[in-house]
């Protein structure tokens, strides 16, 4: 069989000198290569390893389980969250009750951009919602992720520089390779019928759509939160509450996102 990658994670109970060296030597003896290694959340360490033998990986796991200084928490084919944890040194927080909701804070914008970029590389219909208070970095992160995913983006509605409400798109914009960015507040509360018709057409395209303020969007349209494939929450800090109490038909702080 060819080379196959695995994600290994273990918790360190006693970080004695030489612990990582012992584990690395064991990998070498079993002819398992280390691709990437990083600390993941305090006393956890994650590794991407590569082997041509599943049996060797199973043997490695069995030997690790005999070492009292550590306990193995994950040995599996790497998922997106595993690869990002290795790259950034922490796991993306996911809602315990809603597994498609992911939480970030402002000082994790690099991790957020990487995460969204991987989502944006998908083909076909994919609907992302992003929650967050004004000026937390929602729109800027979406644009940066579009660049990382090597895709063009179009603002259908936005308040990034000034209020944008599109009623039509150029022919080359109606493309499956575009990222379509919609501000849920502007689209549902401060737009025209032509704009809402355009949004309906875009929602049917087999492409990636990103809706800022998805809760307002579903409150004012026929769409439901279950229609979203992924929900992202971005806060200035972990304790910040995301609220829409100031949203009304007139001007509010959400007019400057």
Protein backbone atom coordinates (compact mmCIF):
# COMPACT_ATOMS: atom_id res chain seq x y z
CA UNK A 1 0.00 0.00 0.00
CA UNK A 2 1.09 3.61 -0.48
CA UNK A 3 1.93 6.12 2.20
CA UNK A 4 -1.00 7.16 4.37
CA UNK A 5 -1.29 10.04 6.83
CA UNK A 6 -2.58 9.75 10.39
CA UNK A 7 -3.30 12.27 13.10
CA UNK A 8 -1.90 11.39 16.52
CA UNK A 9 -2.66 13.37 19.67
CA UNK A 10 -1.61 12.63 23.22
CA UNK A 11 -1.96 14.33 26.58
CA UNK A 12 1.19 14.84 28.64
CA UNK A 13 0.90 13.97 32.34
CA UNK A 14 4.59 14.41 33.13
CA UNK A 15 6.62 16.50 30.71
CA UNK A 16 9.95 14.91 31.54
CA UNK A 17 13.15 15.68 29.59
CA UNK A 18 13.56 13.43 26.56
CA UNK A 19 9.88 12.45 26.27
CA UNK A 20 9.48 13.76 22.73
CA UNK A 21 12.83 12.25 21.75
CA UNK A 22 11.72 8.82 22.98
CA UNK A 23 8.50 9.02 20.98
CA UNK A 24 10.37 10.23 17.88
CA UNK A 25 12.88 7.38 18.19
CA UNK A 26 10.04 4.88 18.48
CA UNK A 27 8.47 6.27 15.31
CA UNK A 28 11.80 5.93 13.52
CA UNK A 29 12.21 2.30 14.57
CA UNK A 30 8.73 1.52 13.21
CA UNK A 31 9.55 3.36 9.95
CA UNK A 32 6.84 5.96 10.56
CA UNK A 33 7.66 9.49 9.40
CA UNK A 34 6.72 12.68 11.25
CA UNK A 35 5.19 15.20 8.83
CA UNK A 36 4.32 17.96 11.33
CA UNK A 37 4.36 18.31 15.10
CA UNK A 38 3.01 21.03 17.38
CA UNK A 39 1.61 21.64 20.83
CA UNK A 40 -2.18 21.63 20.88
CA UNK A 41 -3.89 23.33 23.84
CA UNK A 42 -1.70 23.36 26.96
CA UNK A 43 -0.43 19.85 27.78
CA UNK A 44 -1.46 18.18 24.51
CA UNK A 45 0.76 17.49 21.55
CA UNK A 46 -0.40 16.67 18.05
CA UNK A 47 1.43 15.02 15.17
CA UNK A 48 0.77 14.31 11.54
CA UNK A 49 2.53 11.05 10.78
CA UNK A 50 2.93 9.07 7.57
CA UNK A 51 3.27 5.32 7.19
CA UNK A 52 2.93 2.64 4.55
CA UNK A 53 1.58 0.15 7.11
CA UNK A 54 -1.58 0.43 9.20
CA UNK A 55 -0.22 -2.38 11.37
CA UNK A 56 2.85 -0.33 12.28
CA UNK A 57 0.63 2.58 13.35
CA UNK A 58 -1.47 0.19 15.45
CA UNK A 59 1.71 -1.17 17.08
CA UNK A 60 2.92 2.37 17.75
CA UNK A 61 -0.38 3.25 19.43
CA UNK A 62 -0.25 0.10 21.56
CA UNK A 63 3.28 0.91 22.74
CA UNK A 64 2.36 4.51 23.57
CA UNK A 65 -0.48 3.27 25.75
CA UNK A 66 2.08 1.56 28.00
CA UNK A 67 3.90 4.85 28.71
CA UNK A 68 2.65 6.28 32.02
CA UNK A 69 3.75 9.85 31.27
CA UNK A 70 1.21 10.29 28.46
CA UNK A 71 -2.21 9.10 27.36
CA UNK A 72 -3.20 8.77 23.71
CA UNK A 73 -6.38 10.71 22.89
CA UNK A 74 -6.62 10.47 19.08
CA UNK A 75 -5.25 8.21 16.36
CA UNK A 76 -7.22 8.66 13.13
CA UNK A 77 -7.09 9.79 9.55
CA UNK A 78 -6.60 13.57 9.76
CA UNK A 79 -9.64 15.81 9.53
CA UNK A 80 -9.64 19.51 8.64
CA UNK A 81 -9.78 20.54 12.31
CA UNK A 82 -6.78 18.27 13.03
CA UNK A 83 -4.67 19.84 10.29
CA UNK A 84 -5.56 23.35 11.44
CA UNK A 85 -4.82 22.44 15.07
CA UNK A 86 -1.35 21.28 14.03
CA UNK A 87 -0.78 24.45 11.99
CA UNK A 88 -2.00 26.94 14.60
CA UNK A 89 -1.39 25.11 17.87
CA UNK A 90 -5.01 24.97 19.06
CA UNK A 91 -8.28 23.34 18.24
CA UNK A 92 -11.22 25.22 16.78
CA UNK A 93 -13.96 25.39 19.39
CA UNK A 94 -17.18 23.71 18.29
CA UNK A 95 -20.61 24.09 19.91
CA UNK A 96 -21.41 21.08 22.09
CA UNK A 97 -25.06 20.96 20.96
CA UNK A 98 -24.72 22.14 17.35
CA UNK A 99 -21.72 20.48 15.71
CA UNK A 100 -21.85 22.75 12.66
CA UNK A 101 -21.27 25.90 14.76
CA UNK A 102 -17.63 26.95 15.21
CA UNK A 103 -16.40 29.70 17.55
CA UNK A 104 -13.47 32.08 17.19
CA UNK A 105 -12.23 35.22 18.94
CA UNK A 106 -10.62 38.21 17.25
CA UNK A 107 -7.02 37.30 18.04
CA UNK A 108 -7.58 34.02 16.14
CA UNK A 109 -8.28 35.67 12.78
CA UNK A 110 -5.45 33.72 11.14
CA UNK A 111 -7.01 30.44 12.21
CA UNK A 112 -10.45 31.66 11.12
CA UNK A 113 -9.21 32.67 7.65
CA UNK A 114 -7.52 29.28 7.18
CA UNK A 115 -10.68 27.48 8.29
CA UNK A 116 -12.96 29.47 5.97
CA UNK A 117 -10.55 29.15 3.05
CA UNK A 118 -10.78 25.36 3.28
CA UNK A 119 -14.58 25.59 3.32
CA UNK A 120 -14.56 27.96 0.33
CA UNK A 121 -12.63 25.45 -1.78
CA UNK A 122 -15.70 23.24 -1.92
CA UNK A 123 -17.56 22.78 -5.18
CA UNK A 124 -21.30 23.18 -5.49
CA UNK A 125 -23.77 24.77 -3.10
CA UNK A 126 -22.37 25.56 0.35
CA UNK A 127 -24.01 28.06 2.69
CA UNK A 128 -22.02 29.67 5.50
CA UNK A 129 -23.42 31.98 8.18
CA UNK A 130 -21.19 34.24 10.27
CA UNK A 131 -22.33 35.91 13.49
CA UNK A 132 -20.56 38.76 15.23
CA UNK A 133 -20.86 42.28 16.54
CA UNK A 134 -19.85 45.33 14.43
CA UNK A 135 -16.16 45.89 13.61
CA UNK A 136 -15.05 42.48 14.83
CA UNK A 137 -13.56 41.52 11.43
CA UNK A 138 -16.26 39.42 9.77
CA UNK A 139 -16.18 40.86 6.26
CA UNK A 140 -12.40 41.29 6.17
CA UNK A 141 -11.96 37.63 7.15
CA UNK A 142 -14.35 36.49 4.41
CA UNK A 143 -12.42 38.44 1.78
CA UNK A 144 -9.05 37.16 3.05
CA UNK A 145 -10.35 33.58 3.01
CA UNK A 146 -11.60 34.05 -0.56
CA UNK A 147 -8.11 35.14 -1.59
CA UNK A 148 -6.56 32.14 0.17
CA UNK A 149 -9.03 29.83 -1.58
CA UNK A 150 -8.05 31.43 -4.92
CA UNK A 151 -11.64 32.46 -5.64
CA UNK A 152 -13.18 35.74 -6.68
CA UNK A 153 -15.76 37.35 -4.43
CA UNK A 154 -18.75 39.60 -4.99
CA UNK A 155 -20.51 41.77 -2.42
CA UNK A 156 -24.24 41.38 -2.93
CA UNK A 157 -24.97 43.49 0.12
CA UNK A 158 -22.48 44.97 2.55
CA UNK A 159 -21.56 47.88 4.81
CA UNK A 160 -17.79 47.42 4.62
CA UNK A 161 -16.98 50.80 3.04
CA UNK A 162 -20.44 52.16 2.34
CA UNK A 163 -23.79 50.47 2.10
CA UNK A 164 -23.85 48.20 -0.94
CA UNK A 165 -27.11 46.84 -2.34
CA UNK A 166 -26.75 45.11 -5.70
CA UNK A 167 -29.75 44.57 -7.99
CA UNK A 168 -27.84 42.85 -10.80
CA UNK A 169 -24.52 41.20 -11.49
CA UNK A 170 -22.20 41.22 -14.46
CA UNK A 171 -22.28 38.09 -16.57
CA UNK A 172 -18.86 36.93 -15.39
CA UNK A 173 -19.95 37.24 -11.75
CA UNK A 174 -22.67 34.59 -12.10
CA UNK A 175 -20.04 31.94 -11.74
CA UNK A 176 -19.78 28.86 -9.57
CA UNK A 177 -16.20 29.89 -8.71
CA UNK A 178 -17.38 33.08 -7.00
CA UNK A 179 -17.87 33.62 -3.28
CA UNK A 180 -21.10 35.57 -2.82
CA UNK A 181 -21.17 37.75 0.31
CA UNK A 182 -24.55 38.82 1.70
CA UNK A 183 -25.23 41.05 4.71
CA UNK A 184 -28.38 39.60 6.25
CA UNK A 185 -29.44 42.90 7.82
CA UNK A 186 -28.99 45.04 4.71
CA UNK A 187 -30.63 42.46 2.43
CA UNK A 188 -33.72 41.89 4.52
CA UNK A 189 -34.31 45.31 6.07
CA UNK A 190 -32.76 47.97 3.81
CA UNK A 191 -33.08 46.75 0.23
CA UNK A 192 -35.31 46.78 -2.84
CA UNK A 193 -37.44 44.07 -4.40
CA UNK A 194 -34.94 43.75 -7.28
CA UNK A 195 -32.16 43.12 -4.79
CA UNK A 196 -34.12 40.43 -2.98
CA UNK A 197 -34.88 38.76 -6.31
CA UNK A 198 -31.16 38.74 -7.09
CA UNK A 199 -30.41 37.18 -3.70
CA UNK A 200 -32.97 34.44 -4.37
CA UNK A 201 -31.29 33.71 -7.72
CA UNK A 202 -27.86 33.57 -6.09
CA UNK A 203 -29.07 31.25 -3.34
CA UNK A 204 -29.99 28.73 -6.04
CA UNK A 205 -26.55 28.82 -7.64
CA UNK A 206 -24.29 25.79 -7.03
CA UNK A 207 -21.68 28.01 -5.38
CA UNK A 208 -20.44 29.15 -1.96
CA UNK A 209 -22.58 31.82 -0.27
CA UNK A 210 -21.65 33.60 2.97
CA UNK A 211 -24.38 35.37 4.96
CA UNK A 212 -23.39 37.80 7.70
CA UNK A 213 -25.99 38.02 10.49
CA UNK A 214 -27.73 34.75 9.55
CA UNK A 215 -30.21 35.02 12.44
CA UNK A 216 -31.72 38.21 10.97
CA UNK A 217 -31.63 36.65 7.50
CA UNK A 218 -33.68 33.61 8.55
CA UNK A 219 -36.03 35.74 10.66
CA UNK A 220 -36.99 37.87 7.66
CA UNK A 221 -36.92 35.24 4.88
CA UNK A 222 -38.16 31.74 4.15
CA UNK A 223 -34.73 30.24 4.94
CA UNK A 224 -33.97 28.39 8.19
CA UNK A 225 -30.79 27.90 10.18
CA UNK A 226 -30.93 24.22 9.22
CA UNK A 227 -30.31 25.34 5.62
CA UNK A 228 -26.81 26.50 6.61
CA UNK A 229 -23.97 24.02 6.21
CA UNK A 230 -21.72 25.88 8.64
CA UNK A 231 -22.20 28.65 11.23
CA UNK A 232 -19.22 30.71 12.42
CA UNK A 233 -19.28 32.92 15.51
CA UNK A 234 -16.63 35.64 15.84
CA UNK A 235 -16.23 37.57 19.10
CA UNK A 236 -13.86 40.22 20.40
CA UNK A 237 -13.34 38.00 23.47
CA UNK A 238 -14.78 34.75 24.79
CA UNK A 239 -17.28 36.45 27.08
CA UNK A 240 -18.83 38.74 24.46
CA UNK A 241 -22.54 38.26 23.79
CA UNK A 242 -23.69 38.50 20.18
CA UNK A 243 -26.96 40.43 20.24
CA UNK A 244 -29.16 42.20 17.69
CA UNK A 245 -31.15 44.37 20.10
CA UNK A 246 -30.00 47.57 18.38
CA UNK A 247 -31.11 46.39 14.94
CA UNK A 248 -34.09 48.27 13.59
CA UNK A 249 -35.14 49.72 10.27
CA UNK A 250 -33.15 52.92 10.86
CA UNK A 251 -29.43 53.49 11.46
CA UNK A 252 -27.58 51.36 14.02
CA UNK A 253 -24.03 50.34 14.79
CA UNK A 254 -24.58 47.34 12.51
CA UNK A 255 -24.49 49.77 9.58
CA UNK A 256 -20.71 49.80 10.05
CA UNK A 257 -19.52 46.16 10.15
